[in-house]
Amino acid sequence: MPPKKKGKGNSKKEKSKKSTPEKDDGLAEKYRRSALDVAVLKEHLALRTSITRQATAVRDDLKSQIRDLEQVLSQERSDMKDITADLNRQYKSMETDLQAKVNGLEVSVDLLETQLAECQVKLKSEREQREKTEAEKDAIISDLQSKLNSMERECERILHGCLDSLLSHLAETRLQWEEQSTVIHQEVKDTLSDFGINPHHI
């Protein structure tokens, strides 16, 4: 009888020993899965951090370009203001010169009128001289007005050209960054897909 009891005791111990490895395998599998999930989460976090850094770099670069373009525009405006001021100075100078000439011509006319009163014989000659002088004055005024109109048109052409060039440059820069942003976005999607992550779930 005692040997039988002993045999029964050994049978229970063997059953207990057989069940222990199965439990250990289950725990090991759970641990392995947990470790794998942690690794995937770490990779996902690192990827999102990298994407955030890239987006920040792109944003800072765009801000820098916008500041540069604003400086260029400010310089263009300053240059145009200087050109306009210079043209105004030239116009005033020409106007002063013209007024001086007009004043001189008026003196000449007065003198001719005095001479006309003194000498009727020279009437025809003095009249022709006055008409010639007035014609010269009109020609000078017409020439100066033509030059002024030409300068105004040239200023407008330069201004429009500068603005058109700046707008074109802004449009090209915006298009380039939109294309780069699309490429980066696609690369990020591809990278997420490589890691088995659906980009729409982020």
N, C-alpha and C. Protein backbone atom coordinates (compact mmCIF):
# COMPACT_ATOMS: atom_id res chain seq x y z
N MET A 1 0.80 -1.23 0.00
CA MET A 1 0.00 0.00 0.00
C MET A 1 0.83 1.28 0.00
N PRO A 2 1.87 1.37 0.83
CA PRO A 2 2.65 2.62 0.81
C PRO A 2 3.27 2.90 -0.53
N PRO A 3 3.80 1.86 -1.24
CA PRO A 3 4.36 2.18 -2.56
C PRO A 3 3.34 2.78 -3.50
N LYS A 4 2.09 2.34 -3.40
CA LYS A 4 1.05 2.90 -4.28
C LYS A 4 0.84 4.38 -3.98
N LYS A 5 0.81 4.73 -2.66
CA LYS A 5 0.64 6.14 -2.31
C LYS A 5 1.77 6.98 -2.85
N LYS A 6 2.95 6.38 -2.74
CA LYS A 6 4.11 7.10 -3.25
C LYS A 6 4.01 7.32 -4.76
N GLY A 7 3.50 6.29 -5.41
CA GLY A 7 3.32 6.41 -6.85
C GLY A 7 2.33 7.49 -7.21
N LYS A 8 1.25 7.56 -6.44
CA LYS A 8 0.25 8.60 -6.69
C LYS A 8 0.83 9.98 -6.49
N GLY A 9 1.65 10.14 -5.47
CA GLY A 9 2.29 11.45 -5.22
C GLY A 9 3.19 11.86 -6.36
N ASN A 10 3.94 10.93 -6.90
CA ASN A 10 4.82 11.25 -8.03
C ASN A 10 4.02 11.64 -9.25
N SER A 11 2.87 11.01 -9.44
CA SER A 11 2.03 11.33 -10.59
C SER A 11 1.55 12.77 -10.53
N LYS A 12 1.18 13.25 -9.35
CA LYS A 12 0.73 14.64 -9.20
C LYS A 12 1.86 15.61 -9.47
N LYS A 13 3.05 15.26 -8.99
CA LYS A 13 4.19 16.16 -9.22
C LYS A 13 4.53 16.25 -10.70
N GLU A 14 4.43 15.11 -11.38
CA GLU A 14 4.71 15.12 -12.82
C GLU A 14 3.70 15.98 -13.57
N LYS A 15 2.42 15.88 -13.18
CA LYS A 15 1.42 16.72 -13.82
C LYS A 15 1.71 18.20 -13.59
N SER A 16 2.14 18.53 -12.34
CA SER A 16 2.45 19.92 -12.03
C SER A 16 3.62 20.41 -12.85
N LYS A 17 4.65 19.55 -13.00
CA LYS A 17 5.82 19.93 -13.79
C LYS A 17 5.46 20.09 -15.26
N LYS A 18 4.58 19.31 -15.79
CA LYS A 18 4.18 19.43 -17.19
C LYS A 18 3.41 20.72 -17.45
N SER A 19 2.61 21.17 -16.51
CA SER A 19 1.81 22.38 -16.73
C SER A 19 2.65 23.65 -16.63
N THR A 20 3.77 23.64 -15.93
CA THR A 20 4.60 24.83 -15.73
C THR A 20 5.19 25.36 -17.04
N PRO A 21 5.81 24.58 -17.90
CA PRO A 21 6.34 25.11 -19.17
C PRO A 21 5.28 25.74 -20.06
N GLU A 22 4.07 25.23 -20.05
CA GLU A 22 3.02 25.83 -20.87
C GLU A 22 2.70 27.23 -20.39
N LYS A 23 2.64 27.37 -19.07
CA LYS A 23 2.39 28.72 -18.53
C LYS A 23 3.54 29.65 -18.87
N ASP A 24 4.75 29.13 -18.75
CA ASP A 24 5.92 29.95 -19.07
C ASP A 24 5.92 30.35 -20.53
N ASP A 25 5.55 29.45 -21.40
CA ASP A 25 5.47 29.78 -22.83
C ASP A 25 4.44 30.88 -23.09
N GLY A 26 3.33 30.80 -22.40
CA GLY A 26 2.28 31.82 -22.57
C GLY A 26 2.76 33.19 -22.11
N LEU A 27 3.45 33.19 -20.96
CA LEU A 27 3.98 34.46 -20.46
C LEU A 27 5.05 35.00 -21.38
N ALA A 28 5.88 34.13 -21.89
CA ALA A 28 6.95 34.56 -22.81
C ALA A 28 6.35 35.13 -24.09
N GLU A 29 5.29 34.51 -24.58
CA GLU A 29 4.64 35.02 -25.80
C GLU A 29 4.02 36.39 -25.56
N LYS A 30 3.38 36.53 -24.38
CA LYS A 30 2.81 37.83 -24.04
C LYS A 30 3.89 38.89 -23.91
N TYR A 31 4.99 38.53 -23.29
CA TYR A 31 6.11 39.47 -23.13
C TYR A 31 6.69 39.86 -24.50
N ARG A 32 6.86 38.85 -25.37
CA ARG A 32 7.40 39.12 -26.70
C ARG A 32 6.47 40.06 -27.47
N ARG A 33 5.16 39.81 -27.38
CA ARG A 33 4.21 40.68 -28.08
C ARG A 33 4.24 42.10 -27.51
N SER A 34 4.30 42.18 -26.18
CA SER A 34 4.36 43.51 -25.55
C SER A 34 5.62 44.25 -25.97
N ALA A 35 6.74 43.54 -25.99
CA ALA A 35 8.01 44.17 -26.40
C ALA A 35 7.92 44.63 -27.86
N LEU A 36 7.29 43.82 -28.70
CA LEU A 36 7.13 44.19 -30.11
C LEU A 36 6.24 45.43 -30.25
N ASP A 37 5.16 45.46 -29.46
CA ASP A 37 4.27 46.64 -29.50
C ASP A 37 5.02 47.89 -29.05
N VAL A 38 5.82 47.75 -28.00
CA VAL A 38 6.60 48.90 -27.51
C VAL A 38 7.57 49.38 -28.58
N ALA A 39 8.23 48.43 -29.26
CA ALA A 39 9.19 48.80 -30.31
C ALA A 39 8.48 49.53 -31.46
N VAL A 40 7.31 49.02 -31.84
CA VAL A 40 6.55 49.67 -32.93
C VAL A 40 6.12 51.08 -32.52
N LEU A 41 5.67 51.20 -31.27
CA LEU A 41 5.26 52.53 -30.78
C LEU A 41 6.44 53.49 -30.74
N LYS A 42 7.61 52.99 -30.35
CA LYS A 42 8.81 53.85 -30.33
C LYS A 42 9.17 54.30 -31.74
N GLU A 43 9.11 53.38 -32.70
CA GLU A 43 9.41 53.75 -34.09
C GLU A 43 8.38 54.76 -34.61
N HIS A 44 7.13 54.54 -34.27
CA HIS A 44 6.07 55.47 -34.70
C HIS A 44 6.31 56.87 -34.11
N LEU A 45 6.68 56.91 -32.81
CA LEU A 45 6.96 58.18 -32.15
C LEU A 45 8.16 58.86 -32.79
N ALA A 46 9.21 58.10 -33.09
CA ALA A 46 10.40 58.68 -33.72
C ALA A 46 10.06 59.23 -35.10
N LEU A 47 9.22 58.50 -35.83
CA LEU A 47 8.83 58.96 -37.17
C LEU A 47 8.02 60.25 -37.10
N ARG A 48 7.10 60.33 -36.17
CA ARG A 48 6.30 61.55 -36.02
C ARG A 48 7.18 62.72 -35.60
N THR A 49 8.17 62.44 -34.74
CA THR A 49 9.11 63.50 -34.33
C THR A 49 9.89 64.00 -35.54
N SER A 50 10.34 63.08 -36.39
CA SER A 50 11.09 63.46 -37.59
C SER A 50 10.22 64.29 -38.54
N ILE A 51 8.97 63.88 -38.70
CA ILE A 51 8.05 64.62 -39.58
C ILE A 51 7.82 66.03 -39.04
N THR A 52 7.66 66.13 -37.73
CA THR A 52 7.45 67.44 -37.11
C THR A 52 8.66 68.34 -37.32
N ARG A 53 9.85 67.77 -37.19
CA ARG A 53 11.06 68.57 -37.40
C ARG A 53 11.17 69.04 -38.85
N GLN A 54 10.85 68.15 -39.78
CA GLN A 54 10.89 68.53 -41.21
C GLN A 54 9.89 69.64 -41.50
N ALA A 55 8.69 69.50 -40.96
CA ALA A 55 7.66 70.52 -41.19
C ALA A 55 8.08 71.86 -40.59
N THR A 56 8.70 71.81 -39.40
CA THR A 56 9.18 73.04 -38.76
C THR A 56 10.27 73.70 -39.59
N ALA A 57 11.18 72.86 -40.12
CA ALA A 57 12.26 73.40 -40.96
C ALA A 57 11.69 74.05 -42.22
N VAL A 58 10.71 73.41 -42.84
CA VAL A 58 10.09 73.97 -44.05
C VAL A 58 9.39 75.29 -43.72
N ARG A 59 8.70 75.30 -42.61
CA ARG A 59 7.99 76.53 -42.20
C ARG A 59 8.98 77.68 -41.96
N ASP A 60 10.08 77.37 -41.23
CA ASP A 60 11.07 78.41 -40.96
C ASP A 60 11.71 78.92 -42.25
N ASP A 61 11.95 77.99 -43.18
CA ASP A 61 12.55 78.39 -44.47
C ASP A 61 11.60 79.30 -45.24
N LEU A 62 10.32 78.96 -45.24
CA LEU A 62 9.32 79.79 -45.92
C LEU A 62 9.24 81.17 -45.28
N LYS A 63 9.28 81.21 -43.96
CA LYS A 63 9.25 82.50 -43.28
C LYS A 63 10.46 83.34 -43.67
N SER A 64 11.63 82.69 -43.74
CA SER A 64 12.85 83.40 -44.13
C SER A 64 12.73 83.95 -45.54
N GLN A 65 12.20 83.15 -46.46
CA GLN A 65 12.04 83.62 -47.85
C GLN A 65 11.05 84.78 -47.93
N ILE A 66 9.98 84.68 -47.15
CA ILE A 66 8.99 85.76 -47.15
C ILE A 66 9.62 87.05 -46.63
N ARG A 67 10.45 86.94 -45.56
CA ARG A 67 11.13 88.12 -45.05
C ARG A 67 12.06 88.72 -46.11
N ASP A 68 12.78 87.82 -46.83
CA ASP A 68 13.69 88.31 -47.88
C ASP A 68 12.90 89.03 -48.98
N LEU A 69 11.78 88.45 -49.38
CA LEU A 69 10.96 89.06 -50.43
C LEU A 69 10.37 90.39 -49.97
N GLU A 70 10.00 90.45 -48.69
CA GLU A 70 9.48 91.71 -48.16
C GLU A 70 10.57 92.78 -48.18
N GLN A 71 11.81 92.37 -47.86
CA GLN A 71 12.91 93.32 -47.91
C GLN A 71 13.16 93.80 -49.34
N VAL A 72 13.08 92.85 -50.29
CA VAL A 72 13.25 93.23 -51.70
C VAL A 72 12.18 94.22 -52.13
N LEU A 73 10.93 93.93 -51.75
CA LEU A 73 9.82 94.81 -52.11
C LEU A 73 9.99 96.18 -51.46
N SER A 74 10.44 96.18 -50.20
CA SER A 74 10.67 97.44 -49.52
C SER A 74 11.76 98.25 -50.21
N GLN A 75 12.82 97.54 -50.64
CA GLN A 75 13.90 98.22 -51.35
C GLN A 75 13.42 98.78 -52.68
N GLU A 76 12.59 97.99 -53.39
CA GLU A 76 12.05 98.46 -54.68
C GLU A 76 11.19 99.71 -54.47
N ARG A 77 10.41 99.69 -53.42
CA ARG A 77 9.57 100.87 -53.14
C ARG A 77 10.44 102.08 -52.81
N SER A 78 11.50 101.82 -52.01
CA SER A 78 12.40 102.91 -51.66
C SER A 78 13.09 103.47 -52.90
N ASP A 79 13.54 102.55 -53.79
CA ASP A 79 14.18 102.99 -55.04
C ASP A 79 13.20 103.80 -55.90
N MET A 80 11.96 103.32 -55.99
CA MET A 80 10.96 104.03 -56.79
C MET A 80 10.67 105.41 -56.19
N LYS A 81 10.67 105.46 -54.85
CA LYS A 81 10.44 106.75 -54.19
C LYS A 81 11.59 107.71 -54.51
N ASP A 82 12.83 107.17 -54.49
CA ASP A 82 13.99 108.01 -54.82
C ASP A 82 13.92 108.49 -56.26
N ILE A 83 13.53 107.57 -57.18
CA ILE A 83 13.42 107.95 -58.59
C ILE A 83 12.37 109.04 -58.78
N THR A 84 11.23 108.86 -58.12
CA THR A 84 10.17 109.86 -58.23
C THR A 84 10.62 111.22 -57.69
N ALA A 85 11.32 111.17 -56.54
CA ALA A 85 11.81 112.43 -55.96
C ALA A 85 12.81 113.10 -56.90
N ASP A 86 13.68 112.27 -57.50
CA ASP A 86 14.67 112.83 -58.43
C ASP A 86 14.00 113.45 -59.65
N LEU A 87 12.99 112.76 -60.17
CA LEU A 87 12.25 113.30 -61.32
C LEU A 87 11.55 114.60 -60.96
N ASN A 88 11.00 114.65 -59.75
CA ASN A 88 10.35 115.89 -59.32
C ASN A 88 11.36 117.03 -59.23
N ARG A 89 12.55 116.70 -58.71
CA ARG A 89 13.59 117.74 -58.63
C ARG A 89 13.99 118.22 -60.02
N GLN A 90 14.14 117.26 -60.94
CA GLN A 90 14.50 117.64 -62.31
C GLN A 90 13.40 118.49 -62.94
N TYR A 91 12.17 118.09 -62.69
CA TYR A 91 11.05 118.85 -63.27
C TYR A 91 11.02 120.28 -62.71
N LYS A 92 11.22 120.39 -61.39
CA LYS A 92 11.22 121.73 -60.80
C LYS A 92 12.38 122.57 -61.34
N SER A 93 13.54 121.89 -61.51
CA SER A 93 14.70 122.61 -62.05
C SER A 93 14.43 123.09 -63.47
N MET A 94 13.86 122.21 -64.29
CA MET A 94 13.52 122.59 -65.66
C MET A 94 12.46 123.68 -65.67
N GLU A 95 11.52 123.56 -64.74
CA GLU A 95 10.46 124.57 -64.67
C GLU A 95 11.05 125.94 -64.31
N THR A 96 12.02 125.91 -63.39
CA THR A 96 12.68 127.16 -62.99
C THR A 96 13.45 127.76 -64.16
N ASP A 97 14.19 126.87 -64.85
CA ASP A 97 14.95 127.35 -66.02
C ASP A 97 14.01 127.92 -67.09
N LEU A 98 12.92 127.19 -67.29
CA LEU A 98 11.97 127.64 -68.29
C LEU A 98 11.34 128.97 -67.90
N GLN A 99 11.05 129.11 -66.62
CA GLN A 99 10.46 130.36 -66.16
C GLN A 99 11.45 131.51 -66.33
N ALA A 100 12.74 131.19 -66.07
CA ALA A 100 13.76 132.22 -66.26
C ALA A 100 13.83 132.63 -67.73
N LYS A 101 13.74 131.61 -68.61
CA LYS A 101 13.76 131.93 -70.04
C LYS A 101 12.52 132.73 -70.44
N VAL A 102 11.40 132.35 -69.87
CA VAL A 102 10.16 133.06 -70.17
C VAL A 102 10.26 134.50 -69.69
N ASN A 103 10.80 134.64 -68.49
CA ASN A 103 10.96 136.00 -67.97
C ASN A 103 11.89 136.83 -68.87
N GLY A 104 12.96 136.15 -69.32
CA GLY A 104 13.88 136.85 -70.22
C GLY A 104 13.21 137.21 -71.52
N LEU A 105 12.39 136.28 -72.01
CA LEU A 105 11.68 136.56 -73.26
C LEU A 105 10.67 137.68 -73.07
N GLU A 106 10.07 137.70 -71.91
CA GLU A 106 9.10 138.78 -71.65
C GLU A 106 9.82 140.14 -71.62
N VAL A 107 11.01 140.14 -71.07
CA VAL A 107 11.80 141.38 -71.07
C VAL A 107 12.13 141.79 -72.50
N SER A 108 12.46 140.76 -73.29
CA SER A 108 12.76 141.06 -74.70
C SER A 108 11.55 141.63 -75.40
N VAL A 109 10.40 141.05 -75.12
CA VAL A 109 9.17 141.54 -75.73
C VAL A 109 8.90 142.99 -75.33
N ASP A 110 9.09 143.28 -74.05
CA ASP A 110 8.90 144.66 -73.59
C ASP A 110 9.85 145.62 -74.31
N LEU A 111 11.09 145.16 -74.45
CA LEU A 111 12.08 146.00 -75.12
C LEU A 111 11.69 146.22 -76.58
N LEU A 112 11.22 145.12 -77.20
CA LEU A 112 10.80 145.25 -78.60
C LEU A 112 9.62 146.19 -78.74
N GLU A 113 8.71 146.11 -77.78
CA GLU A 113 7.56 147.01 -77.83
C GLU A 113 8.00 148.48 -77.67
N THR A 114 8.97 148.67 -76.81
CA THR A 114 9.49 150.03 -76.64
C THR A 114 10.15 150.52 -77.93
N GLN A 115 10.95 149.61 -78.51
CA GLN A 115 11.60 149.97 -79.77
C GLN A 115 10.57 150.20 -80.88
N LEU A 116 9.49 149.42 -80.82
CA LEU A 116 8.43 149.58 -81.82
C LEU A 116 7.80 150.96 -81.73
N ALA A 117 7.61 151.40 -80.48
CA ALA A 117 7.02 152.72 -80.29
C ALA A 117 7.97 153.82 -80.76
N GLU A 118 9.26 153.55 -80.57
CA GLU A 118 10.26 154.56 -80.94
C GLU A 118 10.53 154.59 -82.45
N CYS A 119 10.43 153.40 -83.03
CA CYS A 119 10.80 153.35 -84.45
C CYS A 119 9.84 152.48 -85.22
N GLN A 120 8.94 153.11 -85.95
CA GLN A 120 7.96 152.39 -86.76
C GLN A 120 8.63 151.72 -87.97
N VAL A 121 9.77 152.18 -88.32
CA VAL A 121 10.46 151.62 -89.47
C VAL A 121 10.85 150.16 -89.21
N LYS A 122 11.19 149.89 -87.95
CA LYS A 122 11.65 148.53 -87.61
C LYS A 122 10.48 147.64 -87.19
N LEU A 123 9.26 148.09 -87.45
CA LEU A 123 8.08 147.33 -87.00
C LEU A 123 8.07 145.89 -87.51
N LYS A 124 8.28 145.74 -88.82
CA LYS A 124 8.21 144.40 -89.40
C LYS A 124 9.28 143.47 -88.84
N SER A 125 10.50 144.00 -88.76
CA SER A 125 11.62 143.19 -88.26
C SER A 125 11.40 142.77 -86.80
N GLU A 126 10.97 143.73 -86.00
CA GLU A 126 10.76 143.44 -84.58
C GLU A 126 9.60 142.46 -84.39
N ARG A 127 8.58 142.58 -85.23
CA ARG A 127 7.44 141.65 -85.14
C ARG A 127 7.88 140.22 -85.47
N GLU A 128 8.67 140.08 -86.51
CA GLU A 128 9.17 138.76 -86.87
C GLU A 128 10.04 138.15 -85.75
N GLN A 129 10.85 139.03 -85.16
CA GLN A 129 11.71 138.55 -84.06
C GLN A 129 10.87 138.07 -82.88
N ARG A 130 9.83 138.80 -82.58
CA ARG A 130 8.98 138.40 -81.46
C ARG A 130 8.28 137.08 -81.77
N GLU A 131 7.75 136.96 -82.98
CA GLU A 131 7.08 135.70 -83.36
C GLU A 131 8.06 134.52 -83.29
N LYS A 132 9.29 134.78 -83.72
CA LYS A 132 10.29 133.73 -83.65
C LYS A 132 10.59 133.33 -82.21
N THR A 133 10.68 134.35 -81.37
CA THR A 133 10.96 134.08 -79.95
C THR A 133 9.84 133.27 -79.30
N GLU A 134 8.62 133.66 -79.61
CA GLU A 134 7.48 132.93 -79.05
C GLU A 134 7.42 131.50 -79.57
N ALA A 135 7.78 131.34 -80.82
CA ALA A 135 7.80 129.99 -81.38
C ALA A 135 8.84 129.12 -80.67
N GLU A 136 10.00 129.73 -80.39
CA GLU A 136 11.04 128.99 -79.66
C GLU A 136 10.57 128.62 -78.26
N LYS A 137 9.87 129.58 -77.63
CA LYS A 137 9.34 129.31 -76.29
C LYS A 137 8.34 128.15 -76.33
N ASP A 138 7.46 128.16 -77.30
CA ASP A 138 6.48 127.08 -77.43
C ASP A 138 7.16 125.75 -77.72
N ALA A 139 8.22 125.81 -78.55
CA ALA A 139 8.95 124.58 -78.88
C ALA A 139 9.63 124.01 -77.64
N ILE A 140 10.19 124.92 -76.84
CA ILE A 140 10.86 124.48 -75.60
C ILE A 140 9.84 123.86 -74.65
N ILE A 141 8.70 124.54 -74.51
CA ILE A 141 7.65 124.01 -73.62
C ILE A 141 7.16 122.66 -74.12
N SER A 142 6.95 122.56 -75.43
CA SER A 142 6.48 121.30 -76.00
C SER A 142 7.51 120.19 -75.81
N ASP A 143 8.79 120.54 -76.02
CA ASP A 143 9.86 119.55 -75.85
C ASP A 143 9.96 119.09 -74.41
N LEU A 144 9.91 120.03 -73.49
CA LEU A 144 9.98 119.67 -72.07
C LEU A 144 8.78 118.83 -71.64
N GLN A 145 7.61 119.19 -72.15
CA GLN A 145 6.42 118.41 -71.82
C GLN A 145 6.52 117.00 -72.37
N SER A 146 7.07 116.89 -73.58
CA SER A 146 7.25 115.57 -74.19
C SER A 146 8.22 114.73 -73.37
N LYS A 147 9.32 115.38 -72.94
CA LYS A 147 10.30 114.66 -72.10
C LYS A 147 9.69 114.24 -70.78
N LEU A 148 8.90 115.10 -70.19
CA LEU A 148 8.25 114.77 -68.92
C LEU A 148 7.29 113.60 -69.09
N ASN A 149 6.50 113.63 -70.16
CA ASN A 149 5.58 112.52 -70.42
C ASN A 149 6.34 111.22 -70.63
N SER A 150 7.45 111.31 -71.34
CA SER A 150 8.27 110.11 -71.59
C SER A 150 8.84 109.56 -70.28
N MET A 151 9.28 110.48 -69.41
CA MET A 151 9.80 110.04 -68.11
C MET A 151 8.72 109.39 -67.28
N GLU A 152 7.53 109.93 -67.30
CA GLU A 152 6.43 109.35 -66.54
C GLU A 152 6.09 107.95 -67.05
N ARG A 153 6.06 107.81 -68.37
CA ARG A 153 5.79 106.48 -68.94
C ARG A 153 6.88 105.49 -68.57
N GLU A 154 8.13 105.93 -68.58
CA GLU A 154 9.24 105.05 -68.24
C GLU A 154 9.19 104.62 -66.77
N CYS A 155 8.83 105.58 -65.93
CA CYS A 155 8.68 105.24 -64.50
C CYS A 155 7.58 104.20 -64.29
N GLU A 156 6.45 104.41 -64.98
CA GLU A 156 5.35 103.44 -64.86
C GLU A 156 5.77 102.07 -65.38
N ARG A 157 6.52 102.07 -66.48
CA ARG A 157 6.97 100.79 -67.04
C ARG A 157 7.92 100.07 -66.08
N ILE A 158 8.84 100.83 -65.48
CA ILE A 158 9.78 100.23 -64.52
C ILE A 158 9.04 99.69 -63.31
N LEU A 159 8.08 100.48 -62.81
CA LEU A 159 7.31 100.04 -61.64
C LEU A 159 6.53 98.78 -61.93
N HIS A 160 5.82 98.76 -63.07
CA HIS A 160 5.04 97.56 -63.42
C HIS A 160 5.96 96.36 -63.64
N GLY A 161 7.11 96.63 -64.26
CA GLY A 161 8.05 95.53 -64.49
C GLY A 161 8.55 94.94 -63.19
N CYS A 162 8.89 95.80 -62.23
CA CYS A 162 9.37 95.33 -60.93
C CYS A 162 8.29 94.54 -60.19
N LEU A 163 7.06 95.08 -60.22
CA LEU A 163 5.97 94.39 -59.52
C LEU A 163 5.65 93.06 -60.19
N ASP A 164 5.63 93.03 -61.53
CA ASP A 164 5.36 91.78 -62.24
C ASP A 164 6.43 90.74 -61.94
N SER A 165 7.70 91.19 -61.91
CA SER A 165 8.80 90.27 -61.62
C SER A 165 8.69 89.72 -60.21
N LEU A 166 8.35 90.59 -59.27
CA LEU A 166 8.22 90.14 -57.88
C LEU A 166 7.07 89.17 -57.73
N LEU A 167 5.93 89.47 -58.35
CA LEU A 167 4.78 88.57 -58.25
C LEU A 167 5.09 87.22 -58.90
N SER A 168 5.79 87.25 -60.02
CA SER A 168 6.18 86.01 -60.69
C SER A 168 7.10 85.18 -59.82
N HIS A 169 8.05 85.87 -59.15
CA HIS A 169 8.98 85.15 -58.27
C HIS A 169 8.25 84.53 -57.08
N LEU A 170 7.29 85.30 -56.53
CA LEU A 170 6.51 84.77 -55.42
C LEU A 170 5.71 83.54 -55.84
N ALA A 171 5.10 83.61 -57.04
CA ALA A 171 4.30 82.48 -57.54
C ALA A 171 5.19 81.26 -57.76
N GLU A 172 6.39 81.48 -58.33
CA GLU A 172 7.29 80.35 -58.57
C GLU A 172 7.75 79.73 -57.26
N THR A 173 8.08 80.58 -56.28
CA THR A 173 8.52 80.08 -54.97
C THR A 173 7.42 79.28 -54.30
N ARG A 174 6.20 79.82 -54.37
CA ARG A 174 5.07 79.12 -53.75
C ARG A 174 4.84 77.77 -54.42
N LEU A 175 4.92 77.73 -55.76
CA LEU A 175 4.72 76.48 -56.49
C LEU A 175 5.79 75.47 -56.13
N GLN A 176 7.05 75.92 -56.03
CA GLN A 176 8.14 75.00 -55.68
C GLN A 176 7.93 74.40 -54.30
N TRP A 177 7.55 75.24 -53.34
CA TRP A 177 7.35 74.71 -51.99
C TRP A 177 6.12 73.82 -51.89
N GLU A 178 5.10 74.11 -52.68
CA GLU A 178 3.94 73.22 -52.69
C GLU A 178 4.32 71.85 -53.26
N GLU A 179 5.14 71.88 -54.32
CA GLU A 179 5.59 70.60 -54.90
C GLU A 179 6.45 69.83 -53.90
N GLN A 180 7.38 70.55 -53.22
CA GLN A 180 8.22 69.87 -52.24
C GLN A 180 7.40 69.34 -51.08
N SER A 181 6.40 70.13 -50.65
CA SER A 181 5.55 69.68 -49.56
C SER A 181 4.77 68.42 -49.95
N THR A 182 4.31 68.37 -51.23
CA THR A 182 3.60 67.19 -51.72
C THR A 182 4.51 65.97 -51.73
N VAL A 183 5.75 66.17 -52.19
CA VAL A 183 6.71 65.06 -52.23
C VAL A 183 7.01 64.55 -50.82
N ILE A 184 7.25 65.49 -49.87
CA ILE A 184 7.53 65.09 -48.49
C ILE A 184 6.35 64.36 -47.89
N HIS A 185 5.13 64.88 -48.18
CA HIS A 185 3.93 64.24 -47.65
C HIS A 185 3.79 62.81 -48.18
N GLN A 186 4.09 62.63 -49.48
CA GLN A 186 4.00 61.30 -50.08
C GLN A 186 5.07 60.38 -49.49
N GLU A 187 6.28 60.93 -49.28
CA GLU A 187 7.35 60.12 -48.70
C GLU A 187 6.99 59.66 -47.29
N VAL A 188 6.39 60.58 -46.55
CA VAL A 188 5.97 60.21 -45.19
C VAL A 188 4.92 59.11 -45.24
N LYS A 189 3.95 59.25 -46.18
CA LYS A 189 2.92 58.22 -46.32
C LYS A 189 3.55 56.87 -46.66
N ASP A 190 4.53 56.91 -47.60
CA ASP A 190 5.20 55.66 -48.00
C ASP A 190 5.95 55.06 -46.83
N THR A 191 6.62 55.92 -46.05
CA THR A 191 7.38 55.42 -44.89
C THR A 191 6.45 54.79 -43.86
N LEU A 192 5.31 55.47 -43.62
CA LEU A 192 4.34 54.92 -42.67
C LEU A 192 3.78 53.59 -43.18
N SER A 193 3.56 53.54 -44.49
CA SER A 193 3.04 52.29 -45.07
C SER A 193 4.07 51.17 -44.93
N ASP A 194 5.36 51.51 -45.06
CA ASP A 194 6.42 50.51 -44.90
C ASP A 194 6.43 49.94 -43.48
N PHE A 195 6.03 50.75 -42.52
CA PHE A 195 5.99 50.28 -41.15
C PHE A 195 4.61 49.66 -40.81
N GLY A 196 3.78 49.56 -41.82
CA GLY A 196 2.47 48.96 -41.61
C GLY A 196 1.49 49.87 -40.91
N ILE A 197 1.74 51.20 -41.02
CA ILE A 197 0.88 52.17 -40.35
C ILE A 197 0.03 52.87 -41.39
N ASN A 198 -1.24 52.92 -41.14
CA ASN A 198 -2.15 53.61 -42.06
C ASN A 198 -2.09 55.11 -41.77
N PRO A 199 -1.64 55.94 -42.75
CA PRO A 199 -1.51 57.38 -42.49
C PRO A 199 -2.84 58.05 -42.11
N HIS A 200 -3.95 57.49 -42.53
CA HIS A 200 -5.25 58.09 -42.22
C HIS A 200 -5.65 57.89 -40.77
N HIS A 201 -4.94 56.98 -40.07
CA HIS A 201 -5.25 56.73 -38.66
C HIS A 201 -4.43 57.60 -37.73
N ILE A 202 -3.58 58.48 -38.31
CA ILE A 202 -2.72 59.33 -37.45
C ILE A 202 -3.42 60.65 -37.21
